[in-house]
Amino acid sequence: AVILSAAIWLALMMALAELSSIIPTA
């Protein structure tokens, strides 16, 4: 479960990094 969660969060964070770069708001 921990390894699966890590994979999900790694994908999540890479997508959020893009969104944060185009919409950098609080």
mmCIF file of all heavy atoms, coordinates in Angstrom:
data_MODEL
# 
_entry.id   MODEL 
# 
loop_
_atom_site.group_PDB 
_atom_site.id 
_atom_site.type_symbol 
_atom_site.label_atom_id 
_atom_site.label_alt_id 
_atom_site.label_comp_id 
_atom_site.label_asym_id 
_atom_site.label_entity_id 
_atom_site.label_seq_id 
_atom_site.pdbx_PDB_ins_code 
_atom_site.Cartn_x 
_atom_site.Cartn_y 
_atom_site.Cartn_z 
_atom_site.occupancy 
_atom_site.B_iso_or_equiv 
_atom_site.pdbx_formal_charge 
_atom_site.auth_seq_id 
_atom_site.auth_comp_id 
_atom_site.auth_asym_id 
_atom_site.auth_atom_id 
_atom_site.pdbx_PDB_model_num 
ATOM 1   N N   . ALA A 1 1  ? 0.825  -1.212 0.000   1.00 0.00 ? 1  ALA A N   1 
ATOM 2   C CA  . ALA A 1 1  ? 0.000  0.000  0.000   1.00 0.00 ? 1  ALA A CA  1 
ATOM 3   C C   . ALA A 1 1  ? 0.858  1.262  0.000   1.00 0.00 ? 1  ALA A C   1 
ATOM 4   O O   . ALA A 1 1  ? 0.528  2.249  -0.669  1.00 0.00 ? 1  ALA A O   1 
ATOM 5   C CB  . ALA A 1 1  ? -0.934 -0.009 1.214   1.00 0.00 ? 1  ALA A CB  1 
ATOM 6   N N   . VAL A 1 2  ? 1.961  1.243  0.733   1.00 0.00 ? 2  VAL A N   1 
ATOM 7   C CA  . VAL A 1 2  ? 2.855  2.408  0.789   1.00 0.00 ? 2  VAL A CA  1 
ATOM 8   C C   . VAL A 1 2  ? 3.517  2.646  -0.567  1.00 0.00 ? 2  VAL A C   1 
ATOM 9   O O   . VAL A 1 2  ? 3.608  3.791  -1.032  1.00 0.00 ? 2  VAL A O   1 
ATOM 10  C CB  . VAL A 1 2  ? 3.913  2.223  1.891   1.00 0.00 ? 2  VAL A CB  1 
ATOM 11  C CG1 . VAL A 1 2  ? 5.042  3.247  1.740   1.00 0.00 ? 2  VAL A CG1 1 
ATOM 12  C CG2 . VAL A 1 2  ? 3.274  2.346  3.260   1.00 0.00 ? 2  VAL A CG2 1 
ATOM 13  N N   . ILE A 1 3  ? 3.967  1.594  -1.222  1.00 0.00 ? 3  ILE A N   1 
ATOM 14  C CA  . ILE A 1 3  ? 4.614  1.744  -2.532  1.00 0.00 ? 3  ILE A CA  1 
ATOM 15  C C   . ILE A 1 3  ? 3.612  2.259  -3.569  1.00 0.00 ? 3  ILE A C   1 
ATOM 16  O O   . ILE A 1 3  ? 3.928  3.140  -4.384  1.00 0.00 ? 3  ILE A O   1 
ATOM 17  C CB  . ILE A 1 3  ? 5.229  0.411  -2.979  1.00 0.00 ? 3  ILE A CB  1 
ATOM 18  C CG1 . ILE A 1 3  ? 6.393  0.036  -2.040  1.00 0.00 ? 3  ILE A CG1 1 
ATOM 19  C CG2 . ILE A 1 3  ? 5.712  0.482  -4.420  1.00 0.00 ? 3  ILE A CG2 1 
ATOM 20  C CD1 . ILE A 1 3  ? 6.966  -1.332 -2.273  1.00 0.00 ? 3  ILE A CD1 1 
ATOM 21  N N   . LEU A 1 4  ? 2.392  1.738  -3.538  1.00 0.00 ? 4  LEU A N   1 
ATOM 22  C CA  . LEU A 1 4  ? 1.354  2.228  -4.449  1.00 0.00 ? 4  LEU A CA  1 
ATOM 23  C C   . LEU A 1 4  ? 1.053  3.697  -4.188  1.00 0.00 ? 4  LEU A C   1 
ATOM 24  O O   . LEU A 1 4  ? 0.896  4.493  -5.125  1.00 0.00 ? 4  LEU A O   1 
ATOM 25  C CB  . LEU A 1 4  ? 0.082  1.391  -4.282  1.00 0.00 ? 4  LEU A CB  1 
ATOM 26  C CG  . LEU A 1 4  ? 0.122  -0.037 -4.826  1.00 0.00 ? 4  LEU A CG  1 
ATOM 27  C CD1 . LEU A 1 4  ? -1.155 -0.783 -4.455  1.00 0.00 ? 4  LEU A CD1 1 
ATOM 28  C CD2 . LEU A 1 4  ? 0.294  -0.031 -6.341  1.00 0.00 ? 4  LEU A CD2 1 
ATOM 29  N N   . SER A 1 5  ? 0.973  4.065  -2.902  1.00 0.00 ? 5  SER A N   1 
ATOM 30  C CA  . SER A 1 5  ? 0.700  5.464  -2.553  1.00 0.00 ? 5  SER A CA  1 
ATOM 31  C C   . SER A 1 5  ? 1.808  6.375  -3.055  1.00 0.00 ? 5  SER A C   1 
ATOM 32  O O   . SER A 1 5  ? 1.546  7.472  -3.564  1.00 0.00 ? 5  SER A O   1 
ATOM 33  C CB  . SER A 1 5  ? 0.560  5.602  -1.032  1.00 0.00 ? 5  SER A CB  1 
ATOM 34  O OG  . SER A 1 5  ? -0.564 4.894  -0.560  1.00 0.00 ? 5  SER A OG  1 
ATOM 35  N N   . ALA A 1 6  ? 3.060  5.942  -2.919  1.00 0.00 ? 6  ALA A N   1 
ATOM 36  C CA  . ALA A 1 6  ? 4.187  6.750  -3.388  1.00 0.00 ? 6  ALA A CA  1 
ATOM 37  C C   . ALA A 1 6  ? 4.086  6.999  -4.884  1.00 0.00 ? 6  ALA A C   1 
ATOM 38  O O   . ALA A 1 6  ? 4.354  8.119  -5.364  1.00 0.00 ? 6  ALA A O   1 
ATOM 39  C CB  . ALA A 1 6  ? 5.500  6.066  -3.044  1.00 0.00 ? 6  ALA A CB  1 
ATOM 40  N N   . ALA A 1 7  ? 3.712  5.967  -5.638  1.00 0.00 ? 7  ALA A N   1 
ATOM 41  C CA  . ALA A 1 7  ? 3.573  6.123  -7.092  1.00 0.00 ? 7  ALA A CA  1 
ATOM 42  C C   . ALA A 1 7  ? 2.476  7.124  -7.431  1.00 0.00 ? 7  ALA A C   1 
ATOM 43  O O   . ALA A 1 7  ? 2.638  7.977  -8.320  1.00 0.00 ? 7  ALA A O   1 
ATOM 44  C CB  . ALA A 1 7  ? 3.274  4.763  -7.729  1.00 0.00 ? 7  ALA A CB  1 
ATOM 45  N N   . ILE A 1 8  ? 1.362  7.052  -6.706  1.00 0.00 ? 8  ILE A N   1 
ATOM 46  C CA  . ILE A 1 8  ? 0.254  7.977  -6.945  1.00 0.00 ? 8  ILE A CA  1 
ATOM 47  C C   . ILE A 1 8  ? 0.689  9.409  -6.640  1.00 0.00 ? 8  ILE A C   1 
ATOM 48  O O   . ILE A 1 8  ? 0.431  10.338 -7.415  1.00 0.00 ? 8  ILE A O   1 
ATOM 49  C CB  . ILE A 1 8  ? -0.967 7.586  -6.086  1.00 0.00 ? 8  ILE A CB  1 
ATOM 50  C CG1 . ILE A 1 8  ? -1.541 6.246  -6.569  1.00 0.00 ? 8  ILE A CG1 1 
ATOM 51  C CG2 . ILE A 1 8  ? -2.042 8.670  -6.142  1.00 0.00 ? 8  ILE A CG2 1 
ATOM 52  C CD1 . ILE A 1 8  ? -2.589 5.656  -5.640  1.00 0.00 ? 8  ILE A CD1 1 
ATOM 53  N N   . TRP A 1 9  ? 1.374  9.595  -5.511  1.00 0.00 ? 9  TRP A N   1 
ATOM 54  C CA  . TRP A 1 9  ? 1.769  10.954 -5.128  1.00 0.00 ? 9  TRP A CA  1 
ATOM 55  C C   . TRP A 1 9  ? 2.853  11.523 -6.028  1.00 0.00 ? 9  TRP A C   1 
ATOM 56  O O   . TRP A 1 9  ? 2.873  12.732 -6.271  1.00 0.00 ? 9  TRP A O   1 
ATOM 57  C CB  . TRP A 1 9  ? 2.213  10.977 -3.667  1.00 0.00 ? 9  TRP A CB  1 
ATOM 58  C CG  . TRP A 1 9  ? 1.131  11.542 -2.788  1.00 0.00 ? 9  TRP A CG  1 
ATOM 59  C CD1 . TRP A 1 9  ? 0.989  12.839 -2.392  1.00 0.00 ? 9  TRP A CD1 1 
ATOM 60  C CD2 . TRP A 1 9  ? 0.010  10.833 -2.253  1.00 0.00 ? 9  TRP A CD2 1 
ATOM 61  N NE1 . TRP A 1 9  ? -0.143 12.981 -1.621  1.00 0.00 ? 9  TRP A NE1 1 
ATOM 62  C CE2 . TRP A 1 9  ? -0.764 11.765 -1.524  1.00 0.00 ? 9  TRP A CE2 1 
ATOM 63  C CE3 . TRP A 1 9  ? -0.415 9.509  -2.307  1.00 0.00 ? 9  TRP A CE3 1 
ATOM 64  C CZ2 . TRP A 1 9  ? -1.931 11.408 -0.855  1.00 0.00 ? 9  TRP A CZ2 1 
ATOM 65  C CZ3 . TRP A 1 9  ? -1.565 9.155  -1.639  1.00 0.00 ? 9  TRP A CZ3 1 
ATOM 66  C CH2 . TRP A 1 9  ? -2.312 10.095 -0.927  1.00 0.00 ? 9  TRP A CH2 1 
ATOM 67  N N   . LEU A 1 10 ? 3.730  10.686 -6.527  1.00 0.00 ? 10 LEU A N   1 
ATOM 68  C CA  . LEU A 1 10 ? 4.750  11.179 -7.438  1.00 0.00 ? 10 LEU A CA  1 
ATOM 69  C C   . LEU A 1 10 ? 4.101  11.707 -8.712  1.00 0.00 ? 10 LEU A C   1 
ATOM 70  O O   . LEU A 1 10 ? 4.454  12.795 -9.208  1.00 0.00 ? 10 LEU A O   1 
ATOM 71  C CB  . LEU A 1 10 ? 5.738  10.061 -7.771  1.00 0.00 ? 10 LEU A CB  1 
ATOM 72  C CG  . LEU A 1 10 ? 7.004  10.473 -8.526  1.00 0.00 ? 10 LEU A CG  1 
ATOM 73  C CD1 . LEU A 1 10 ? 7.785  11.517 -7.723  1.00 0.00 ? 10 LEU A CD1 1 
ATOM 74  C CD2 . LEU A 1 10 ? 7.877  9.261  -8.809  1.00 0.00 ? 10 LEU A CD2 1 
ATOM 75  N N   . ALA A 1 11 ? 3.131  10.968 -9.241  1.00 0.00 ? 11 ALA A N   1 
ATOM 76  C CA  . ALA A 1 11 ? 2.405  11.424 -10.428 1.00 0.00 ? 11 ALA A CA  1 
ATOM 77  C C   . ALA A 1 11 ? 1.613  12.693 -10.116 1.00 0.00 ? 11 ALA A C   1 
ATOM 78  O O   . ALA A 1 11 ? 1.580  13.644 -10.909 1.00 0.00 ? 11 ALA A O   1 
ATOM 79  C CB  . ALA A 1 11 ? 1.468  10.321 -10.914 1.00 0.00 ? 11 ALA A CB  1 
ATOM 80  N N   . LEU A 1 12 ? 0.983  12.702 -8.951  1.00 0.00 ? 12 LEU A N   1 
ATOM 81  C CA  . LEU A 1 12 ? 0.198  13.867 -8.533  1.00 0.00 ? 12 LEU A CA  1 
ATOM 82  C C   . LEU A 1 12 ? 1.065  15.123 -8.474  1.00 0.00 ? 12 LEU A C   1 
ATOM 83  O O   . LEU A 1 12 ? 0.696  16.185 -9.000  1.00 0.00 ? 12 LEU A O   1 
ATOM 84  C CB  . LEU A 1 12 ? -0.420 13.590 -7.160  1.00 0.00 ? 12 LEU A CB  1 
ATOM 85  C CG  . LEU A 1 12 ? -1.179 14.747 -6.502  1.00 0.00 ? 12 LEU A CG  1 
ATOM 86  C CD1 . LEU A 1 12 ? -2.557 14.884 -7.128  1.00 0.00 ? 12 LEU A CD1 1 
ATOM 87  C CD2 . LEU A 1 12 ? -1.301 14.535 -4.999  1.00 0.00 ? 12 LEU A CD2 1 
ATOM 88  N N   . MET A 1 13 ? 2.233  15.008 -7.854  1.00 0.00 ? 13 MET A N   1 
ATOM 89  C CA  . MET A 1 13 ? 3.082  16.177 -7.670  1.00 0.00 ? 13 MET A CA  1 
ATOM 90  C C   . MET A 1 13 ? 3.643  16.687 -8.995  1.00 0.00 ? 13 MET A C   1 
ATOM 91  O O   . MET A 1 13 ? 3.798  17.906 -9.192  1.00 0.00 ? 13 MET A O   1 
ATOM 92  C CB  . MET A 1 13 ? 4.208  15.848 -6.700  1.00 0.00 ? 13 MET A CB  1 
ATOM 93  C CG  . MET A 1 13 ? 3.735  15.545 -5.289  1.00 0.00 ? 13 MET A CG  1 
ATOM 94  S SD  . MET A 1 13 ? 2.851  16.928 -4.537  1.00 0.00 ? 13 MET A SD  1 
ATOM 95  C CE  . MET A 1 13 ? 4.216  17.893 -3.909  1.00 0.00 ? 13 MET A CE  1 
ATOM 96  N N   . MET A 1 14 ? 3.949  15.796 -9.922  1.00 0.00 ? 14 MET A N   1 
ATOM 97  C CA  . MET A 1 14 ? 4.452  16.244 -11.220 1.00 0.00 ? 14 MET A CA  1 
ATOM 98  C C   . MET A 1 14 ? 3.368  16.985 -12.006 1.00 0.00 ? 14 MET A C   1 
ATOM 99  O O   . MET A 1 14 ? 3.646  17.950 -12.719 1.00 0.00 ? 14 MET A O   1 
ATOM 100 C CB  . MET A 1 14 ? 4.989  15.059 -12.013 1.00 0.00 ? 14 MET A CB  1 
ATOM 101 C CG  . MET A 1 14 ? 6.305  14.519 -11.469 1.00 0.00 ? 14 MET A CG  1 
ATOM 102 S SD  . MET A 1 14 ? 7.135  13.327 -12.551 1.00 0.00 ? 14 MET A SD  1 
ATOM 103 C CE  . MET A 1 14 ? 6.014  11.921 -12.415 1.00 0.00 ? 14 MET A CE  1 
ATOM 104 N N   . ALA A 1 15 ? 2.115  16.555 -11.849 1.00 0.00 ? 15 ALA A N   1 
ATOM 105 C CA  . ALA A 1 15 ? 1.020  17.268 -12.502 1.00 0.00 ? 15 ALA A CA  1 
ATOM 106 C C   . ALA A 1 15 ? 0.770  18.612 -11.829 1.00 0.00 ? 15 ALA A C   1 
ATOM 107 O O   . ALA A 1 15 ? 0.529  19.628 -12.499 1.00 0.00 ? 15 ALA A O   1 
ATOM 108 C CB  . ALA A 1 15 ? -0.249 16.413 -12.468 1.00 0.00 ? 15 ALA A CB  1 
ATOM 109 N N   . LEU A 1 16 ? 0.842  18.646 -10.503 1.00 0.00 ? 16 LEU A N   1 
ATOM 110 C CA  . LEU A 1 16 ? 0.624  19.898 -9.784  1.00 0.00 ? 16 LEU A CA  1 
ATOM 111 C C   . LEU A 1 16 ? 1.741  20.901 -10.051 1.00 0.00 ? 16 LEU A C   1 
ATOM 112 O O   . LEU A 1 16 ? 1.513  22.120 -10.025 1.00 0.00 ? 16 LEU A O   1 
ATOM 113 C CB  . LEU A 1 16 ? 0.515  19.633 -8.281  1.00 0.00 ? 16 LEU A CB  1 
ATOM 114 C CG  . LEU A 1 16 ? -0.755 18.923 -7.815  1.00 0.00 ? 16 LEU A CG  1 
ATOM 115 C CD1 . LEU A 1 16 ? -0.733 18.736 -6.301  1.00 0.00 ? 16 LEU A CD1 1 
ATOM 116 C CD2 . LEU A 1 16 ? -1.999 19.704 -8.232  1.00 0.00 ? 16 LEU A CD2 1 
ATOM 117 N N   . ALA A 1 17 ? 2.949  20.412 -10.305 1.00 0.00 ? 17 ALA A N   1 
ATOM 118 C CA  . ALA A 1 17 ? 4.054  21.314 -10.625 1.00 0.00 ? 17 ALA A CA  1 
ATOM 119 C C   . ALA A 1 17 ? 3.749  22.090 -11.903 1.00 0.00 ? 17 ALA A C   1 
ATOM 120 O O   . ALA A 1 17 ? 4.038  23.289 -12.003 1.00 0.00 ? 17 ALA A O   1 
ATOM 121 C CB  . ALA A 1 17 ? 5.352  20.521 -10.781 1.00 0.00 ? 17 ALA A CB  1 
ATOM 122 N N   . GLU A 1 18 ? 3.156  21.415 -12.884 1.00 0.00 ? 18 GLU A N   1 
ATOM 123 C CA  . GLU A 1 18 ? 2.769  22.108 -14.118 1.00 0.00 ? 18 GLU A CA  1 
ATOM 124 C C   . GLU A 1 18 ? 1.671  23.120 -13.854 1.00 0.00 ? 18 GLU A C   1 
ATOM 125 O O   . GLU A 1 18 ? 1.737  24.272 -14.308 1.00 0.00 ? 18 GLU A O   1 
ATOM 126 C CB  . GLU A 1 18 ? 2.297  21.097 -15.162 1.00 0.00 ? 18 GLU A CB  1 
ATOM 127 C CG  . GLU A 1 18 ? 1.806  21.751 -16.446 1.00 0.00 ? 18 GLU A CG  1 
ATOM 128 C CD  . GLU A 1 18 ? 1.329  20.752 -17.477 1.00 0.00 ? 18 GLU A CD  1 
ATOM 129 O OE1 . GLU A 1 18 ? 2.105  19.830 -17.813 1.00 0.00 ? 18 GLU A OE1 1 
ATOM 130 O OE2 . GLU A 1 18 ? 0.177  20.887 -17.939 1.00 0.00 ? 18 GLU A OE2 1 
ATOM 131 N N   . LEU A 1 19 ? 0.643  22.707 -13.117 1.00 0.00 ? 19 LEU A N   1 
ATOM 132 C CA  . LEU A 1 19 ? -0.465 23.606 -12.830 1.00 0.00 ? 19 LEU A CA  1 
ATOM 133 C C   . LEU A 1 19 ? 0.006  24.828 -12.043 1.00 0.00 ? 19 LEU A C   1 
ATOM 134 O O   . LEU A 1 19 ? -0.454 25.948 -12.277 1.00 0.00 ? 19 LEU A O   1 
ATOM 135 C CB  . LEU A 1 19 ? -1.557 22.853 -12.057 1.00 0.00 ? 19 LEU A CB  1 
ATOM 136 C CG  . LEU A 1 19 ? -2.314 21.782 -12.847 1.00 0.00 ? 19 LEU A CG  1 
ATOM 137 C CD1 . LEU A 1 19 ? -3.212 20.965 -11.929 1.00 0.00 ? 19 LEU A CD1 1 
ATOM 138 C CD2 . LEU A 1 19 ? -3.138 22.432 -13.963 1.00 0.00 ? 19 LEU A CD2 1 
ATOM 139 N N   . SER A 1 20 ? 0.926  24.614 -11.104 1.00 0.00 ? 20 SER A N   1 
ATOM 140 C CA  . SER A 1 20 ? 1.443  25.728 -10.305 1.00 0.00 ? 20 SER A CA  1 
ATOM 141 C C   . SER A 1 20 ? 2.262  26.693 -11.142 1.00 0.00 ? 20 SER A C   1 
ATOM 142 O O   . SER A 1 20 ? 2.349  27.887 -10.830 1.00 0.00 ? 20 SER A O   1 
ATOM 143 C CB  . SER A 1 20 ? 2.309  25.194 -9.155  1.00 0.00 ? 20 SER A CB  1 
ATOM 144 O OG  . SER A 1 20 ? 1.548  24.397 -8.281  1.00 0.00 ? 20 SER A OG  1 
ATOM 145 N N   . SER A 1 21 ? 2.884  26.196 -12.208 1.00 0.00 ? 21 SER A N   1 
ATOM 146 C CA  . SER A 1 21 ? 3.699  27.068 -13.056 1.00 0.00 ? 21 SER A CA  1 
ATOM 147 C C   . SER A 1 21 ? 2.842  27.958 -13.948 1.00 0.00 ? 21 SER A C   1 
ATOM 148 O O   . SER A 1 21 ? 3.260  29.055 -14.323 1.00 0.00 ? 21 SER A O   1 
ATOM 149 C CB  . SER A 1 21 ? 4.650  26.230 -13.918 1.00 0.00 ? 21 SER A CB  1 
ATOM 150 O OG  . SER A 1 21 ? 3.957  25.559 -14.958 1.00 0.00 ? 21 SER A OG  1 
ATOM 151 N N   . ILE A 1 22 ? 1.640  27.505 -14.291 1.00 0.00 ? 22 ILE A N   1 
ATOM 152 C CA  . ILE A 1 22 ? 0.784  28.326 -15.143 1.00 0.00 ? 22 ILE A CA  1 
ATOM 153 C C   . ILE A 1 22 ? -0.258 29.113 -14.342 1.00 0.00 ? 22 ILE A C   1 
ATOM 154 O O   . ILE A 1 22 ? -0.782 30.116 -14.818 1.00 0.00 ? 22 ILE A O   1 
ATOM 155 C CB  . ILE A 1 22 ? 0.070  27.472 -16.221 1.00 0.00 ? 22 ILE A CB  1 
ATOM 156 C CG1 . ILE A 1 22 ? -0.825 26.399 -15.594 1.00 0.00 ? 22 ILE A CG1 1 
ATOM 157 C CG2 . ILE A 1 22 ? 1.081  26.837 -17.153 1.00 0.00 ? 22 ILE A CG2 1 
ATOM 158 C CD1 . ILE A 1 22 ? -1.608 25.585 -16.608 1.00 0.00 ? 22 ILE A CD1 1 
ATOM 159 N N   . ILE A 1 23 ? -0.553 28.653 -13.110 1.00 0.00 ? 23 ILE A N   1 
ATOM 160 C CA  . ILE A 1 23 ? -1.495 29.368 -12.232 1.00 0.00 ? 23 ILE A CA  1 
ATOM 161 C C   . ILE A 1 23 ? -0.856 29.460 -10.847 1.00 0.00 ? 23 ILE A C   1 
ATOM 162 O O   . ILE A 1 23 ? -1.234 28.750 -9.912  1.00 0.00 ? 23 ILE A O   1 
ATOM 163 C CB  . ILE A 1 23 ? -2.860 28.644 -12.148 1.00 0.00 ? 23 ILE A CB  1 
ATOM 164 C CG1 . ILE A 1 23 ? -3.385 28.301 -13.545 1.00 0.00 ? 23 ILE A CG1 1 
ATOM 165 C CG2 . ILE A 1 23 ? -3.878 29.501 -11.401 1.00 0.00 ? 23 ILE A CG2 1 
ATOM 166 C CD1 . ILE A 1 23 ? -4.654 27.487 -13.549 1.00 0.00 ? 23 ILE A CD1 1 
ATOM 167 N N   . PRO A 1 24 ? 0.148  30.332 -10.682 1.00 0.00 ? 24 PRO A N   1 
ATOM 168 C CA  . PRO A 1 24 ? 0.882  30.397 -9.417  1.00 0.00 ? 24 PRO A CA  1 
ATOM 169 C C   . PRO A 1 24 ? 0.174  31.247 -8.363  1.00 0.00 ? 24 PRO A C   1 
ATOM 170 O O   . PRO A 1 24 ? 0.530  32.401 -8.118  1.00 0.00 ? 24 PRO A O   1 
ATOM 171 C CB  . PRO A 1 24 ? 2.210  31.032 -9.837  1.00 0.00 ? 24 PRO A CB  1 
ATOM 172 C CG  . PRO A 1 24 ? 1.844  31.921 -10.968 1.00 0.00 ? 24 PRO A CG  1 
ATOM 173 C CD  . PRO A 1 24 ? 0.713  31.244 -11.699 1.00 0.00 ? 24 PRO A CD  1 
ATOM 174 N N   . THR A 1 25 ? -0.856 30.700 -7.727  1.00 0.00 ? 25 THR A N   1 
ATOM 175 C CA  . THR A 1 25 ? -1.611 31.443 -6.726  1.00 0.00 ? 25 THR A CA  1 
ATOM 176 C C   . THR A 1 25 ? -1.671 30.673 -5.417  1.00 0.00 ? 25 THR A C   1 
ATOM 177 O O   . THR A 1 25 ? -1.434 29.465 -5.373  1.00 0.00 ? 25 THR A O   1 
ATOM 178 C CB  . THR A 1 25 ? -3.056 31.702 -7.189  1.00 0.00 ? 25 THR A CB  1 
ATOM 179 O OG1 . THR A 1 25 ? -3.783 30.466 -7.174  1.00 0.00 ? 25 THR A OG1 1 
ATOM 180 C CG2 . THR A 1 25 ? -3.086 32.288 -8.589  1.00 0.00 ? 25 THR A CG2 1 
ATOM 181 N N   . ALA A 1 26 ? -2.046 31.385 -4.353  1.00 0.00 ? 26 ALA A N   1 
ATOM 182 C CA  . ALA A 1 26 ? -2.185 30.754 -3.039  1.00 0.00 ? 26 ALA A CA  1 
ATOM 183 C C   . ALA A 1 26 ? -3.343 29.772 -3.012  1.00 0.00 ? 26 ALA A C   1 
ATOM 184 O O   . ALA A 1 26 ? -3.418 28.917 -2.133  1.00 0.00 ? 26 ALA A O   1 
ATOM 185 C CB  . ALA A 1 26 ? -2.391 31.831 -1.968  1.00 0.00 ? 26 ALA A CB  1 
# 
